[in-house]
Amino acid sequence: MSHTPANVTRRQFVRRAAASTVAASSAFSLFTIAGTKASGRVIGANDTIRIGVAGINGRGGSHINEFGRMKGVQITYLIDPDSRLFNSRRENVRKLSGTSPTAVADIREALADKNLDAVSVATCNHWHSLITIWACEAGKDVYVEKPLSHNVHEGRIALEMARKHERIVQHGTQSRSSQGIARDVAAARSGKFGKLTLSKGYCHKPRWSIGTKPVKAPPSDLDFNIWLGPAAEQPYHDNLVHYNWHWFWDFGNGDIGNQGVHEMDIARWAIESPALPKSVVSFGGRFGYEDQGQTPNTLMSLFDYGDAKLAFETCGLVEGKAKAKRRVGNEFFTTEGRIAGGKFYPKGGGEAVPLGNIETGIHRQGHFENFISALRSRDIEDLNADVEVAHFSSALCHLGNIAYRAGKNCPYDEAMQEMAGNDAAVELFESMTHNLAKGNDIDVDKLDVRVSPTLKFDAASERFTDNAAANELLTRKYREPFVVPERV
């Protein structure tokens, strides 16, 4: 992978963009996108920004509501391979803004419109990077939902493509626009409360069985070829559309890449450098039921950054049928205590101390408004969640999944022995045991656990140094014509 474009600093980007203002009309020249042509335009401070929302079910409805109510923003396209959604979503836009957008199944039709300024992406994960890449090539700016990528390679290409074409790309990790969370992170980084030793994220959220749906013909008003996009050709079943695709490797990334990417991003935010770890180890499984899903409902991952570690817990057997409770959040452990929820808890007990006034460095706007502001200013310093941030935090989720997939199944007691000598991993294993045994009355001694070796990772090349099988999972085989390029 070539990293040259990504090494352009944010300040260099801004200077270069400013220097090219006079020649802006030529900077946004025509780009070829899968046989069509589209062009960007220079947007004045008072110009209406025309945006297309790609993926209009679920989270896409929030995108419609956010952009549809903004002054100076017009939703001109609704993009989704499921045309059953068109009438209701078009009516939502009409109620919000009085306009009626064009509805299309294929993103390439929207990108071919030279009057379109930006794309907001709320599709399935396996489409996120490709739409971002195509949009950047077409001179469009992008708001892309988390995770930026379905695998590490395509996240890198999306980042480099954004830099090459000088596009504004905001990631849908809204916590980056939260003053409260930013304050906790700033406190963890400040050294005021001790040196950070462990940054921890929790994604304990109910993810119960999805059952098994039979293979059948796709609905007549769903363009299943477009829905599959970059993924391998395969038959349709109802567990794919509209939500449970999250639990299939071809389309989703399990809950670590669904809800978990938010908390992973926060956990990584607290670690100043490097962006990616020296090694990763993961273990878990799809416990408690048998169904059609593929991704683990329980996944523990540990990332070694040298001076600090990042630990992440993904537990889906909570609430509902379980005694285990939901927990979604972050904690930061230092040499002097623990930071969480706006307070510092000293080691050895004692009264919790409010963090006080700490400079966060983030822009005080809603996340969608922040994107629009940066789109007008053409300054990536104005973004709270730039595409570079998106790539690294999404990549961490992928590394956790890759380690799990490259591991082996072994009996529970043997899996526990694999953790011996690694105190942070032992603590994660004990947390998993508590969730399964105490929280779900599961006889853990009868379980097989999938356990990875400790995989060494080279952050500069974004490749594992000691595991060929893991490196194969850094990318995928793309289905023509929905191909992420090997390089920019």
Protein backbone atom coordinates (compact mmCIF):
# COMPACT_ATOMS: atom_id res chain seq x y z
CA MET A 1 0.00 0.00 0.00
CA SER A 2 1.31 3.46 -0.87
CA HIS A 3 1.00 5.92 2.00
CA THR A 4 2.44 9.02 0.35
CA PRO A 5 -0.84 10.98 -0.03
CA ALA A 6 -1.84 10.20 3.58
CA ASN A 7 1.40 11.74 4.85
CA VAL A 8 0.18 15.17 3.77
CA THR A 9 -0.53 16.95 7.04
CA ARG A 10 -3.81 18.69 7.76
CA ARG A 11 -2.03 22.07 7.67
CA GLN A 12 -0.39 21.24 4.34
CA PHE A 13 -3.80 20.34 2.95
CA VAL A 14 -5.22 23.67 4.08
CA ARG A 15 -2.33 25.68 2.63
CA ARG A 16 -2.54 23.83 -0.66
CA ALA A 17 -6.31 24.33 -0.84
CA ALA A 18 -5.94 28.05 -0.12
CA ALA A 19 -3.22 28.43 -2.75
CA SER A 20 -5.47 26.88 -5.36
CA THR A 21 -8.51 29.08 -4.71
CA VAL A 22 -7.96 31.15 -7.86
CA ALA A 23 -7.83 28.01 -9.97
CA ALA A 24 -10.60 26.22 -8.08
CA SER A 25 -12.79 25.69 -11.10
CA SER A 26 -10.07 23.69 -12.82
CA ALA A 27 -9.14 21.84 -9.60
CA PHE A 28 -12.55 20.19 -9.66
CA SER A 29 -12.26 18.84 -13.16
CA LEU A 30 -14.19 15.89 -14.55
CA PHE A 31 -13.61 12.41 -13.19
CA THR A 32 -14.70 9.14 -14.72
CA ILE A 33 -16.80 6.99 -12.40
CA ALA A 34 -17.68 3.56 -13.76
CA GLY A 35 -18.40 4.88 -17.20
CA THR A 36 -20.08 8.16 -16.15
CA LYS A 37 -18.66 11.61 -15.57
CA ALA A 38 -19.29 14.02 -12.73
CA SER A 39 -17.73 17.23 -11.50
CA GLY A 40 -17.52 19.19 -8.28
CA ARG A 41 -18.19 22.91 -7.97
CA VAL A 42 -16.88 25.70 -5.78
CA ILE A 43 -19.44 26.44 -3.07
CA GLY A 44 -19.85 30.01 -1.91
CA ALA A 45 -20.74 30.93 1.65
CA ASN A 46 -24.36 31.58 0.69
CA ASP A 47 -24.79 28.85 -1.90
CA THR A 48 -27.18 25.98 -1.30
CA ILE A 49 -25.37 22.70 -0.72
CA ARG A 50 -26.98 19.87 -2.68
CA ILE A 51 -26.60 16.49 -1.04
CA GLY A 52 -27.58 12.91 -1.80
CA VAL A 53 -28.38 10.43 0.97
CA ALA A 54 -27.21 6.90 0.13
CA GLY A 55 -28.86 4.22 2.21
CA ILE A 56 -32.24 5.53 3.38
CA ASN A 57 -33.41 2.82 5.77
CA GLY A 58 -32.57 2.88 9.48
CA ARG A 59 -29.71 5.31 10.13
CA GLY A 60 -30.34 6.90 6.76
CA GLY A 61 -33.59 8.27 8.17
CA SER A 62 -31.54 10.27 10.67
CA HIS A 63 -29.41 11.65 7.85
CA ILE A 64 -32.56 12.76 6.07
CA ASN A 65 -33.87 14.46 9.23
CA GLU A 66 -30.56 16.20 9.96
CA PHE A 67 -29.82 17.53 6.49
CA GLY A 68 -33.47 18.06 5.56
CA ARG A 69 -33.99 20.65 8.30
CA MET A 70 -30.77 22.63 7.68
CA LYS A 71 -30.88 26.05 6.09
CA GLY A 72 -28.74 26.25 2.98
CA VAL A 73 -28.79 22.47 2.45
CA GLN A 74 -31.05 20.62 0.01
CA ILE A 75 -31.44 16.86 -0.31
CA THR A 76 -31.59 16.35 -4.06
CA TYR A 77 -31.07 12.56 -4.23
CA LEU A 78 -32.25 9.54 -2.30
CA ILE A 79 -30.15 6.50 -3.20
CA ASP A 80 -31.04 2.94 -2.27
CA PRO A 81 -31.36 -0.39 -4.11
CA ASP A 82 -34.67 -0.98 -2.28
CA SER A 83 -37.23 1.12 -4.13
CA ARG A 84 -39.91 0.19 -1.58
CA LEU A 85 -38.46 2.99 0.57
CA PHE A 86 -38.65 5.75 -2.01
CA ASN A 87 -42.16 7.13 -1.50
CA SER A 88 -42.04 7.37 2.28
CA ARG A 89 -38.55 8.89 2.40
CA ARG A 90 -39.35 11.35 -0.37
CA GLU A 91 -42.39 12.41 1.64
CA ASN A 92 -40.16 12.90 4.71
CA VAL A 93 -37.96 15.27 2.72
CA ARG A 94 -40.97 17.13 1.37
CA LYS A 95 -42.30 17.71 4.90
CA LEU A 96 -38.93 18.95 6.11
CA SER A 97 -37.98 21.23 3.23
CA GLY A 98 -40.81 21.39 0.71
CA THR A 99 -38.66 19.81 -1.99
CA SER A 100 -38.90 16.44 -3.71
CA PRO A 101 -35.60 14.63 -4.35
CA THR A 102 -34.82 12.28 -7.19
CA ALA A 103 -34.75 8.63 -6.06
CA VAL A 104 -32.33 6.17 -7.70
CA ALA A 105 -31.07 2.67 -6.95
CA ASP A 106 -27.50 3.15 -8.19
CA ILE A 107 -25.11 5.62 -6.54
CA ARG A 108 -23.35 6.13 -9.88
CA GLU A 109 -26.41 7.87 -11.29
CA ALA A 110 -26.27 10.48 -8.54
CA LEU A 111 -22.50 10.94 -8.80
CA ALA A 112 -22.88 11.67 -12.52
CA ASP A 113 -24.85 14.83 -11.67
CA LYS A 114 -22.42 17.78 -11.78
CA ASN A 115 -24.79 19.77 -9.57
CA LEU A 116 -24.51 17.33 -6.66
CA ASP A 117 -22.08 18.62 -4.01
CA ALA A 118 -21.91 15.90 -1.39
CA VAL A 119 -23.00 12.38 -0.49
CA SER A 120 -24.14 11.19 2.90
CA VAL A 121 -23.52 7.45 3.29
CA ALA A 122 -25.67 5.25 5.56
CA THR A 123 -25.52 2.01 3.57
CA CYS A 124 -24.33 -1.41 4.69
CA ASN A 125 -20.68 -1.41 5.84
CA HIS A 126 -19.37 -3.15 2.74
CA TRP A 127 -20.40 -0.16 0.60
CA HIS A 128 -18.98 2.63 2.82
CA SER A 129 -15.47 2.90 1.39
CA LEU A 130 -16.39 2.33 -2.24
CA ILE A 131 -18.98 5.11 -2.24
CA THR A 132 -16.50 7.37 -0.46
CA ILE A 133 -13.83 6.59 -3.07
CA TRP A 134 -16.15 7.07 -6.03
CA ALA A 135 -17.54 10.29 -4.56
CA CYS A 136 -14.06 11.75 -3.98
CA GLU A 137 -13.09 10.90 -7.56
CA ALA A 138 -16.26 12.66 -8.72
CA GLY A 139 -15.42 15.82 -6.79
CA LYS A 140 -18.04 15.29 -4.09
CA ASP A 141 -17.59 15.68 -0.34
CA VAL A 142 -18.69 12.85 1.93
CA TYR A 143 -20.31 12.24 5.29
CA VAL A 144 -19.81 8.50 5.82
CA GLU A 145 -21.30 6.44 8.61
CA LYS A 146 -19.12 4.29 10.83
CA PRO A 147 -17.15 2.27 10.16
CA LEU A 148 -15.44 4.05 7.28
CA SER A 149 -14.39 0.70 5.87
CA HIS A 150 -15.24 -2.97 5.69
CA ASN A 151 -11.53 -3.87 5.82
CA VAL A 152 -8.21 -2.16 6.48
CA HIS A 153 -7.08 -1.85 2.85
CA GLU A 154 -10.14 -0.04 1.57
CA GLY A 155 -10.05 2.39 4.50
CA ARG A 156 -6.50 3.31 3.52
CA ILE A 157 -7.56 3.83 -0.10
CA ALA A 158 -10.53 5.99 0.97
CA LEU A 159 -8.18 8.15 3.05
CA GLU A 160 -5.67 8.56 0.25
CA MET A 161 -8.39 9.27 -2.31
CA ALA A 162 -9.85 11.99 -0.09
CA ARG A 163 -6.43 13.62 0.22
CA LYS A 164 -5.64 13.30 -3.48
CA HIS A 165 -8.85 15.02 -4.53
CA GLU A 166 -8.88 17.43 -1.57
CA ARG A 167 -12.30 16.35 -0.39
CA ILE A 168 -13.98 16.97 2.96
CA VAL A 169 -14.83 13.59 4.51
CA GLN A 170 -16.51 13.41 7.93
CA HIS A 171 -16.93 10.11 9.81
CA GLY A 172 -20.15 9.25 11.62
CA THR A 173 -18.53 8.80 15.04
CA GLN A 174 -20.62 11.50 16.71
CA SER A 175 -18.76 11.22 20.02
CA ARG A 176 -16.03 13.32 18.39
CA SER A 177 -18.45 16.24 18.67
CA SER A 178 -19.33 15.57 22.32
CA GLN A 179 -17.74 18.05 24.74
CA GLY A 180 -18.19 15.65 27.67
CA ILE A 181 -16.42 12.76 25.98
CA ALA A 182 -13.73 15.05 24.57
CA ARG A 183 -13.10 16.34 28.10
CA ASP A 184 -12.55 12.81 29.45
CA VAL A 185 -10.18 12.06 26.58
CA ALA A 186 -8.27 15.30 27.04
CA ALA A 187 -7.90 14.55 30.75
CA ALA A 188 -6.53 11.08 29.99
CA ARG A 189 -4.00 12.58 27.59
CA SER A 190 -3.02 15.52 29.77
CA GLY A 191 -0.90 13.70 32.35
CA LYS A 192 -2.61 15.76 35.06
CA PHE A 193 -4.18 12.60 36.51
CA GLY A 194 -1.23 10.29 35.93
CA LYS A 195 0.14 8.52 32.88
CA LEU A 196 -2.36 6.55 30.82
CA THR A 197 -1.73 2.81 31.06
CA LEU A 198 -5.02 1.28 29.84
CA SER A 199 -7.75 2.71 27.63
CA LYS A 200 -10.85 0.54 27.77
CA GLY A 201 -14.04 0.38 25.74
CA TYR A 202 -17.25 -1.54 26.42
CA CYS A 203 -19.89 -2.65 23.94
CA HIS A 204 -22.26 -4.77 26.04
CA LYS A 205 -25.45 -4.53 24.03
CA PRO A 206 -28.19 -7.14 23.43
CA ARG A 207 -27.55 -9.17 20.27
CA TRP A 208 -29.67 -12.29 20.44
CA SER A 209 -30.32 -15.00 17.88
CA ILE A 210 -31.45 -13.98 14.40
CA GLY A 211 -32.65 -17.52 13.61
CA THR A 212 -32.33 -18.94 10.12
CA LYS A 213 -34.06 -17.61 7.01
CA PRO A 214 -34.42 -19.75 3.89
CA VAL A 215 -32.87 -18.88 0.55
CA LYS A 216 -35.42 -17.43 -1.85
CA ALA A 217 -35.79 -14.99 -4.70
CA PRO A 218 -35.15 -11.37 -3.69
CA PRO A 219 -38.12 -8.99 -3.69
CA SER A 220 -38.89 -7.64 -7.15
CA ASP A 221 -38.37 -4.03 -6.02
CA LEU A 222 -34.93 -4.72 -4.51
CA ASP A 223 -31.96 -4.50 -6.87
CA PHE A 224 -30.03 -7.27 -5.16
CA ASN A 225 -27.09 -6.97 -7.54
CA ILE A 226 -26.56 -3.37 -6.42
CA TRP A 227 -27.19 -4.32 -2.78
CA LEU A 228 -24.43 -6.96 -2.99
CA GLY A 229 -22.09 -4.49 -4.64
CA PRO A 230 -18.45 -5.39 -3.74
CA ALA A 231 -19.47 -8.60 -1.95
CA ALA A 232 -19.29 -12.09 -3.45
CA GLU A 233 -22.21 -13.33 -5.54
CA GLN A 234 -24.59 -15.29 -3.28
CA PRO A 235 -28.27 -16.08 -2.83
CA TYR A 236 -30.75 -13.83 -1.08
CA HIS A 237 -32.38 -14.50 2.30
CA ASP A 238 -34.36 -12.25 4.63
CA ASN A 239 -31.63 -12.05 7.28
CA LEU A 240 -29.68 -9.77 4.97
CA VAL A 241 -32.14 -6.94 4.32
CA HIS A 242 -32.41 -4.62 6.21
CA TYR A 243 -30.39 -5.07 9.42
CA ASN A 244 -29.00 -8.50 10.19
CA TRP A 245 -26.33 -8.19 7.49
CA HIS A 246 -24.23 -6.84 10.39
CA TRP A 247 -23.64 -10.43 11.54
CA PHE A 248 -22.30 -11.77 8.21
CA TRP A 249 -18.63 -11.33 7.28
CA ASP A 250 -19.33 -10.38 3.65
CA PHE A 251 -21.32 -7.31 4.66
CA GLY A 252 -20.78 -6.37 8.30
CA ASN A 253 -18.14 -6.45 11.01
CA GLY A 254 -20.06 -7.78 14.01
CA ASP A 255 -20.84 -5.48 16.90
CA ILE A 256 -17.25 -4.36 17.36
CA GLY A 257 -17.68 -2.61 13.99
CA ASN A 258 -21.27 -1.59 14.59
CA GLN A 259 -21.93 -0.05 18.00
CA GLY A 260 -18.40 -0.83 19.13
CA VAL A 261 -16.60 1.42 16.65
CA HIS A 262 -17.89 4.44 18.60
CA GLU A 263 -16.27 3.29 21.85
CA MET A 264 -13.21 1.99 20.00
CA ASP A 265 -12.73 5.44 18.49
CA ILE A 266 -12.93 7.04 21.94
CA ALA A 267 -10.52 4.49 23.41
CA ARG A 268 -8.00 5.13 20.61
CA TRP A 269 -8.51 8.90 20.90
CA ALA A 270 -7.01 8.81 24.39
CA ILE A 271 -3.78 7.22 23.13
CA GLU A 272 -1.72 10.01 21.60
CA SER A 273 0.49 7.85 19.37
CA PRO A 274 0.96 5.74 17.41
CA ALA A 275 -2.39 5.44 15.64
CA LEU A 276 -2.18 1.64 15.31
CA PRO A 277 -0.83 -0.95 17.77
CA LYS A 278 2.26 -3.16 17.93
CA SER A 279 0.16 -6.30 18.38
CA VAL A 280 -3.36 -7.65 18.89
CA VAL A 281 -4.90 -10.72 20.50
CA SER A 282 -8.61 -11.63 20.40
CA PHE A 283 -10.84 -14.39 21.72
CA GLY A 284 -14.54 -15.16 21.92
CA GLY A 285 -17.30 -16.92 20.03
CA ARG A 286 -20.95 -16.98 19.03
CA PHE A 287 -22.22 -18.39 22.31
CA GLY A 288 -25.61 -19.22 23.77
CA TYR A 289 -27.48 -20.13 20.59
CA GLU A 290 -27.09 -21.45 17.05
CA ASP A 291 -28.36 -19.35 14.17
CA GLN A 292 -27.47 -18.11 10.71
CA GLY A 293 -25.12 -15.39 11.91
CA GLN A 294 -21.35 -15.66 11.51
CA THR A 295 -19.72 -12.93 13.59
CA PRO A 296 -19.00 -13.47 17.32
CA ASN A 297 -21.55 -12.19 19.83
CA THR A 298 -18.76 -12.19 22.41
CA LEU A 299 -15.34 -10.80 21.47
CA MET A 300 -12.50 -9.63 23.69
CA SER A 301 -9.60 -7.79 22.05
CA LEU A 302 -6.37 -6.44 23.46
CA PHE A 303 -4.11 -4.03 21.57
CA ASP A 304 -0.57 -3.29 22.69
CA TYR A 305 0.68 0.27 22.14
CA GLY A 306 3.84 -0.12 24.19
CA ASP A 307 3.44 2.29 27.11
CA ALA A 308 -0.34 1.83 27.06
CA LYS A 309 -2.78 -0.92 26.16
CA LEU A 310 -6.25 -0.71 24.66
CA ALA A 311 -8.75 -3.34 25.83
CA PHE A 312 -12.15 -3.81 24.24
CA GLU A 313 -15.12 -5.90 25.37
CA THR A 314 -17.95 -6.86 23.01
CA CYS A 315 -20.71 -8.80 24.77
CA GLY A 316 -24.07 -9.46 23.09
CA LEU A 317 -25.63 -11.74 25.72
CA VAL A 318 -27.05 -8.99 27.93
CA GLU A 319 -30.53 -7.92 29.05
CA GLY A 320 -33.61 -9.80 27.86
CA LYS A 321 -32.78 -13.44 28.51
CA ALA A 322 -29.71 -12.59 30.60
CA LYS A 323 -28.94 -11.30 34.08
CA ALA A 324 -26.01 -9.42 32.57
CA LYS A 325 -26.63 -5.71 32.06
CA ARG A 326 -26.05 -3.38 29.14
CA ARG A 327 -22.87 -1.34 29.29
CA VAL A 328 -21.71 0.97 26.52
CA GLY A 329 -18.91 3.38 27.36
CA ASN A 330 -15.27 4.01 28.15
CA GLU A 331 -12.82 4.18 31.05
CA PHE A 332 -9.24 5.43 31.18
CA PHE A 333 -6.83 3.94 33.73
CA THR A 334 -3.74 5.88 34.72
CA THR A 335 -0.84 5.40 37.13
CA GLU A 336 -2.85 7.47 39.64
CA GLY A 337 -6.40 6.20 39.18
CA ARG A 338 -9.32 6.07 36.73
CA ILE A 339 -11.11 8.63 34.56
CA ALA A 340 -14.77 8.13 33.61
CA GLY A 341 -17.90 10.21 33.26
CA GLY A 342 -16.28 13.56 33.91
CA LYS A 343 -14.55 12.49 37.12
CA PHE A 344 -11.22 11.16 38.35
CA TYR A 345 -11.27 8.27 40.82
CA PRO A 346 -7.99 8.06 42.75
CA LYS A 347 -6.28 4.74 43.35
CA GLY A 348 -6.95 3.26 46.77
CA GLY A 349 -10.34 4.91 47.10
CA GLY A 350 -11.13 8.41 48.19
CA GLU A 351 -13.58 10.96 46.86
CA ALA A 352 -13.98 11.30 43.09
CA VAL A 353 -12.68 14.58 41.71
CA PRO A 354 -14.41 16.52 38.90
CA LEU A 355 -12.12 16.97 35.93
CA GLY A 356 -12.67 20.70 35.81
CA ASN A 357 -12.11 22.91 32.81
CA ILE A 358 -9.94 21.14 30.25
CA GLU A 359 -9.47 22.38 26.70
CA THR A 360 -10.90 19.80 24.31
CA GLY A 361 -9.90 21.31 20.98
CA ILE A 362 -13.12 20.23 19.23
CA HIS A 363 -15.58 22.47 17.42
CA ARG A 364 -18.77 23.06 19.40
CA GLN A 365 -21.32 22.00 16.81
CA GLY A 366 -23.61 19.11 16.10
CA HIS A 367 -21.80 16.46 14.07
CA PHE A 368 -23.77 17.00 10.85
CA GLU A 369 -23.51 20.80 11.20
CA ASN A 370 -19.77 20.38 11.69
CA PHE A 371 -19.55 18.60 8.34
CA ILE A 372 -21.45 21.35 6.54
CA SER A 373 -19.28 24.06 8.13
CA ALA A 374 -16.10 22.31 6.97
CA LEU A 375 -17.59 21.75 3.54
CA ARG A 376 -18.01 25.51 3.18
CA SER A 377 -14.63 26.45 4.66
CA ARG A 378 -12.71 23.75 2.72
CA ASP A 379 -10.58 23.33 5.86
CA ILE A 380 -10.17 19.81 7.23
CA GLU A 381 -9.02 21.38 10.50
CA ASP A 382 -12.69 22.29 10.96
CA LEU A 383 -13.75 18.63 11.01
CA ASN A 384 -14.21 16.86 14.33
CA ALA A 385 -13.89 13.41 12.71
CA ASP A 386 -11.72 13.62 9.62
CA VAL A 387 -11.25 10.61 7.33
CA GLU A 388 -7.79 9.91 8.81
CA VAL A 389 -9.32 9.51 12.27
CA ALA A 390 -11.98 7.32 10.65
CA HIS A 391 -9.46 5.03 9.00
CA PHE A 392 -7.43 4.30 12.12
CA SER A 393 -10.37 3.73 14.45
CA SER A 394 -12.15 1.51 11.92
CA ALA A 395 -8.91 -0.39 11.32
CA LEU A 396 -8.68 -1.24 15.03
CA CYS A 397 -12.10 -2.93 14.83
CA HIS A 398 -10.92 -4.88 11.79
CA LEU A 399 -7.71 -5.96 13.55
CA GLY A 400 -9.74 -7.34 16.44
CA ASN A 401 -11.93 -9.30 14.03
CA ILE A 402 -8.99 -10.49 11.95
CA ALA A 403 -7.18 -11.85 15.00
CA TYR A 404 -10.34 -13.73 15.99
CA ARG A 405 -10.83 -15.17 12.50
CA ALA A 406 -7.17 -16.18 12.24
CA GLY A 407 -7.36 -17.99 15.58
CA LYS A 408 -8.29 -21.55 16.51
CA ASN A 409 -11.07 -23.17 18.52
CA CYS A 410 -10.05 -24.78 21.78
CA PRO A 411 -11.68 -25.92 25.04
CA TYR A 412 -12.41 -23.21 27.59
CA ASP A 413 -9.73 -24.21 30.09
CA GLU A 414 -7.13 -24.44 27.32
CA ALA A 415 -8.17 -21.02 26.06
CA MET A 416 -7.70 -19.65 29.55
CA GLN A 417 -4.16 -21.05 29.63
CA GLU A 418 -3.40 -19.21 26.39
CA MET A 419 -3.80 -15.96 28.37
CA ALA A 420 -1.27 -16.92 31.05
CA GLY A 421 1.39 -14.27 31.60
CA ASN A 422 -0.64 -11.46 30.04
CA ASP A 423 -2.42 -9.75 32.94
CA ALA A 424 -4.61 -7.52 30.75
CA ALA A 425 -5.71 -10.52 28.66
CA VAL A 426 -6.42 -12.55 31.81
CA GLU A 427 -8.63 -9.72 33.07
CA LEU A 428 -10.56 -9.73 29.79
CA PHE A 429 -10.96 -13.50 29.98
CA GLU A 430 -12.34 -13.23 33.50
CA SER A 431 -14.79 -10.57 32.34
CA MET A 432 -15.97 -12.85 29.53
CA THR A 433 -16.34 -15.74 31.98
CA HIS A 434 -18.43 -13.59 34.32
CA ASN A 435 -20.71 -12.49 31.49
CA LEU A 436 -21.29 -16.04 30.28
CA ALA A 437 -21.39 -17.95 33.57
CA LYS A 438 -22.85 -15.47 36.05
CA GLY A 439 -24.80 -13.36 33.60
CA ASN A 440 -26.18 -16.15 31.40
CA ASP A 441 -25.89 -19.39 33.43
CA ILE A 442 -23.77 -20.92 30.67
CA ASP A 443 -21.54 -23.87 31.62
CA VAL A 444 -18.32 -22.43 30.27
CA ASP A 445 -16.41 -25.69 30.76
CA LYS A 446 -18.40 -27.14 27.86
CA LEU A 447 -17.64 -24.28 25.48
CA ASP A 448 -15.07 -23.99 22.76
CA VAL A 449 -13.47 -20.55 22.52
CA ARG A 450 -11.83 -19.16 19.41
CA VAL A 451 -8.43 -17.78 20.44
CA SER A 452 -5.85 -15.97 18.36
CA PRO A 453 -2.13 -15.96 18.91
CA THR A 454 -0.64 -12.57 19.70
CA LEU A 455 -0.32 -11.13 16.21
CA LYS A 456 2.47 -8.62 15.67
CA PHE A 457 1.51 -5.63 13.53
CA ASP A 458 3.58 -3.08 11.64
CA ALA A 459 1.74 0.23 11.82
CA ALA A 460 3.79 1.85 9.03
CA SER A 461 2.93 -0.75 6.39
CA GLU A 462 -0.42 -1.66 7.97
CA ARG A 463 0.38 -5.35 7.75
CA PHE A 464 0.92 -8.22 10.16
CA THR A 465 4.54 -9.28 10.36
CA ASP A 466 4.08 -12.93 11.30
CA ASN A 467 0.79 -14.30 9.97
CA ALA A 468 -0.04 -14.74 6.27
CA ALA A 469 -3.64 -15.79 6.96
CA ALA A 470 -4.24 -12.58 8.90
CA ASN A 471 -2.77 -10.48 6.09
CA GLU A 472 -5.20 -12.03 3.61
CA LEU A 473 -8.04 -10.63 5.70
CA LEU A 474 -6.77 -7.06 5.40
CA THR A 475 -8.64 -6.87 2.09
CA ARG A 476 -11.12 -8.93 0.08
CA LYS A 477 -11.79 -10.14 -3.44
CA TYR A 478 -14.02 -7.53 -5.06
CA ARG A 479 -16.80 -8.30 -7.47
CA GLU A 480 -16.66 -6.44 -10.78
CA PRO A 481 -17.42 -3.62 -11.35
CA PHE A 482 -17.59 -2.79 -7.64
CA VAL A 483 -13.84 -2.80 -7.08
CA VAL A 484 -11.75 -0.84 -4.60
CA PRO A 485 -8.42 -0.15 -6.33
CA GLU A 486 -5.16 -1.65 -5.09
CA ARG A 487 -3.60 1.81 -4.90
CA VAL A 488 -4.39 5.46 -5.53
